[in-house]
């Protein structure tokens, strides 16, 4: 018996745009957990880069496991701090 892995983008999983900070946090957690990340080109996307796709089981855990949620929230804050520093440097 073979198992087919289902992959979804954050937009597909959440049914709304995730935003850069949450996208960064999920990508960071996926890389740290050695999760496979697939990419797809979406011509209608407002983003000028391929869309990241994650295993649905990983996304379910990311949004339901309290310890992982805490790490994701930390990563979101880290992204926002880095982004704010970049904006202040450019001024």
C-alpha atoms as a PDB file:
ATOM      1  CA  UNK A   1       0.000   0.000   0.000  1.00  0.00           C
ATOM      2  CA  UNK A   2       1.391   3.406  -0.944  1.00  0.00           C
ATOM      3  CA  UNK A   3       0.498   6.617   0.793  1.00  0.00           C
ATOM      4  CA  UNK A   4       0.048   9.788  -1.214  1.00  0.00           C
ATOM      5  CA  UNK A   5       1.238  12.876   0.585  1.00  0.00           C
ATOM      6  CA  UNK A   6      -1.046  15.844   0.225  1.00  0.00           C
ATOM      7  CA  UNK A   7       0.604  19.257  -0.034  1.00  0.00           C
ATOM      8  CA  UNK A   8      -1.087  22.631   0.314  1.00  0.00           C
ATOM      9  CA  UNK A   9      -0.001  26.228   0.360  1.00  0.00           C
ATOM     10  CA  UNK A  10      -0.734  28.290   3.447  1.00  0.00           C
ATOM     11  CA  UNK A  11      -3.369  30.134   1.441  1.00  0.00           C
ATOM     12  CA  UNK A  12      -5.118  26.876   0.551  1.00  0.00           C
ATOM     13  CA  UNK A  13      -4.862  25.542   4.100  1.00  0.00           C
ATOM     14  CA  UNK A  14      -6.033  28.716   5.861  1.00  0.00           C
ATOM     15  CA  UNK A  15      -8.448  29.877   3.139  1.00  0.00           C
ATOM     16  CA  UNK A  16      -6.926  33.340   3.441  1.00  0.00           C
ATOM     17  CA  UNK A  17      -3.586  35.057   2.792  1.00  0.00           C
ATOM     18  CA  UNK A  18      -1.078  34.078   5.475  1.00  0.00           C
ATOM     19  CA  UNK A  19       1.214  37.085   5.210  1.00  0.00           C
ATOM     20  CA  UNK A  20       4.985  37.244   5.049  1.00  0.00           C
ATOM     21  CA  UNK A  21       5.610  36.829   8.793  1.00  0.00           C
ATOM     22  CA  UNK A  22       3.567  33.641   9.121  1.00  0.00           C
ATOM     23  CA  UNK A  23       5.007  32.325   5.856  1.00  0.00           C
ATOM     24  CA  UNK A  24       8.508  32.890   7.227  1.00  0.00           C
ATOM     25  CA  UNK A  25       7.609  31.157  10.500  1.00  0.00           C
ATOM     26  CA  UNK A  26       6.109  28.092   8.809  1.00  0.00           C
ATOM     27  CA  UNK A  27       9.068  27.805   6.419  1.00  0.00           C
ATOM     28  CA  UNK A  28      11.485  28.083   9.366  1.00  0.00           C
ATOM     29  CA  UNK A  29       9.681  25.341  11.308  1.00  0.00           C
ATOM     30  CA  UNK A  30       9.443  23.123   8.217  1.00  0.00           C
ATOM     31  CA  UNK A  31      13.185  23.410   7.603  1.00  0.00           C
ATOM     32  CA  UNK A  32      14.006  22.700  11.257  1.00  0.00           C
ATOM     33  CA  UNK A  33      11.771  19.602  11.158  1.00  0.00           C
ATOM     34  CA  UNK A  34      13.299  18.540   7.818  1.00  0.00           C
ATOM     35  CA  UNK A  35       9.866  18.680   6.212  1.00  0.00           C
ATOM     36  CA  UNK A  36       9.708  18.473   2.433  1.00  0.00           C
ATOM     37  CA  UNK A  37       8.695  21.747   0.824  1.00  0.00           C
ATOM     38  CA  UNK A  38       7.329  21.696  -2.704  1.00  0.00           C
ATOM     39  CA  UNK A  39       7.073  24.785  -4.863  1.00  0.00           C
ATOM     40  CA  UNK A  40       4.623  25.724  -7.587  1.00  0.00           C
ATOM     41  CA  UNK A  41       4.404  28.630  -9.958  1.00  0.00           C
ATOM     42  CA  UNK A  42       1.098  30.424  -9.784  1.00  0.00           C
ATOM     43  CA  UNK A  43       0.739  32.955 -12.608  1.00  0.00           C
ATOM     44  CA  UNK A  44      -2.255  34.655 -10.962  1.00  0.00           C
ATOM     45  CA  UNK A  45      -0.429  35.090  -7.646  1.00  0.00           C
ATOM     46  CA  UNK A  46       0.394  38.616  -6.498  1.00  0.00           C
ATOM     47  CA  UNK A  47       3.743  37.270  -5.223  1.00  0.00           C
ATOM     48  CA  UNK A  48       6.650  37.302  -7.714  1.00  0.00           C
ATOM     49  CA  UNK A  49       8.027  33.937  -6.566  1.00  0.00           C
ATOM     50  CA  UNK A  50       6.989  30.290  -6.454  1.00  0.00           C
ATOM     51  CA  UNK A  51       4.409  29.350  -3.827  1.00  0.00           C
ATOM     52  CA  UNK A  52       5.622  27.071  -0.999  1.00  0.00           C
ATOM     53  CA  UNK A  53       3.622  23.893  -0.421  1.00  0.00           C
ATOM     54  CA  UNK A  54       3.719  21.913   2.841  1.00  0.00           C
ATOM     55  CA  UNK A  55       2.422  18.522   3.913  1.00  0.00           C
ATOM     56  CA  UNK A  56      -1.112  18.869   5.263  1.00  0.00           C
ATOM     57  CA  UNK A  57      -0.181  16.797   8.338  1.00  0.00           C
ATOM     58  CA  UNK A  58       2.637  19.230   9.094  1.00  0.00           C
ATOM     59  CA  UNK A  59       0.301  22.225   8.746  1.00  0.00           C
ATOM     60  CA  UNK A  60      -2.275  20.569  11.002  1.00  0.00           C
ATOM     61  CA  UNK A  61       0.373  20.041  13.670  1.00  0.00           C
ATOM     62  CA  UNK A  62       1.764  23.561  13.218  1.00  0.00           C
ATOM     63  CA  UNK A  63      -1.620  25.115  13.955  1.00  0.00           C
ATOM     64  CA  UNK A  64      -2.851  22.706  16.639  1.00  0.00           C
ATOM     65  CA  UNK A  65       0.171  21.626  18.711  1.00  0.00           C
ATOM     66  CA  UNK A  66       0.618  24.208  21.505  1.00  0.00           C
ATOM     67  CA  UNK A  67       4.417  23.827  21.701  1.00  0.00           C
ATOM     68  CA  UNK A  68       4.811  24.247  17.948  1.00  0.00           C
ATOM     69  CA  UNK A  69       2.375  27.177  17.973  1.00  0.00           C
ATOM     70  CA  UNK A  70       4.571  28.878  20.592  1.00  0.00           C
ATOM     71  CA  UNK A  71       7.635  28.436  18.356  1.00  0.00           C
ATOM     72  CA  UNK A  72       5.744  29.754  15.336  1.00  0.00           C
ATOM     73  CA  UNK A  73       4.637  32.828  17.293  1.00  0.00           C
ATOM     74  CA  UNK A  74       8.289  33.385  18.283  1.00  0.00           C
ATOM     75  CA  UNK A  75       9.361  33.083  14.625  1.00  0.00           C
ATOM     76  CA  UNK A  76       6.657  35.582  13.583  1.00  0.00           C
ATOM     77  CA  UNK A  77       7.972  38.080  16.135  1.00  0.00           C
ATOM     78  CA  UNK A  78      11.557  37.474  14.991  1.00  0.00           C
ATOM     79  CA  UNK A  79      10.533  38.181  11.388  1.00  0.00           C
ATOM     80  CA  UNK A  80       8.796  41.403  12.383  1.00  0.00           C
ATOM     81  CA  UNK A  81      11.841  42.614  14.327  1.00  0.00           C
ATOM     82  CA  UNK A  82      14.161  41.835  11.388  1.00  0.00           C
ATOM     83  CA  UNK A  83      11.781  43.548   8.986  1.00  0.00           C
ATOM     84  CA  UNK A  84      11.512  46.642  11.198  1.00  0.00           C
ATOM     85  CA  UNK A  85      15.312  46.883  11.384  1.00  0.00           C
ATOM     86  CA  UNK A  86      15.559  46.729   7.584  1.00  0.00           C
ATOM     87  CA  UNK A  87      12.966  49.467   7.206  1.00  0.00           C
ATOM     88  CA  UNK A  88      14.766  51.685   9.740  1.00  0.00           C
ATOM     89  CA  UNK A  89      18.116  51.159   7.995  1.00  0.00           C
ATOM     90  CA  UNK A  90      16.656  52.272   4.649  1.00  0.00           C
ATOM     91  CA  UNK A  91      15.300  55.540   6.094  1.00  0.00           C
END
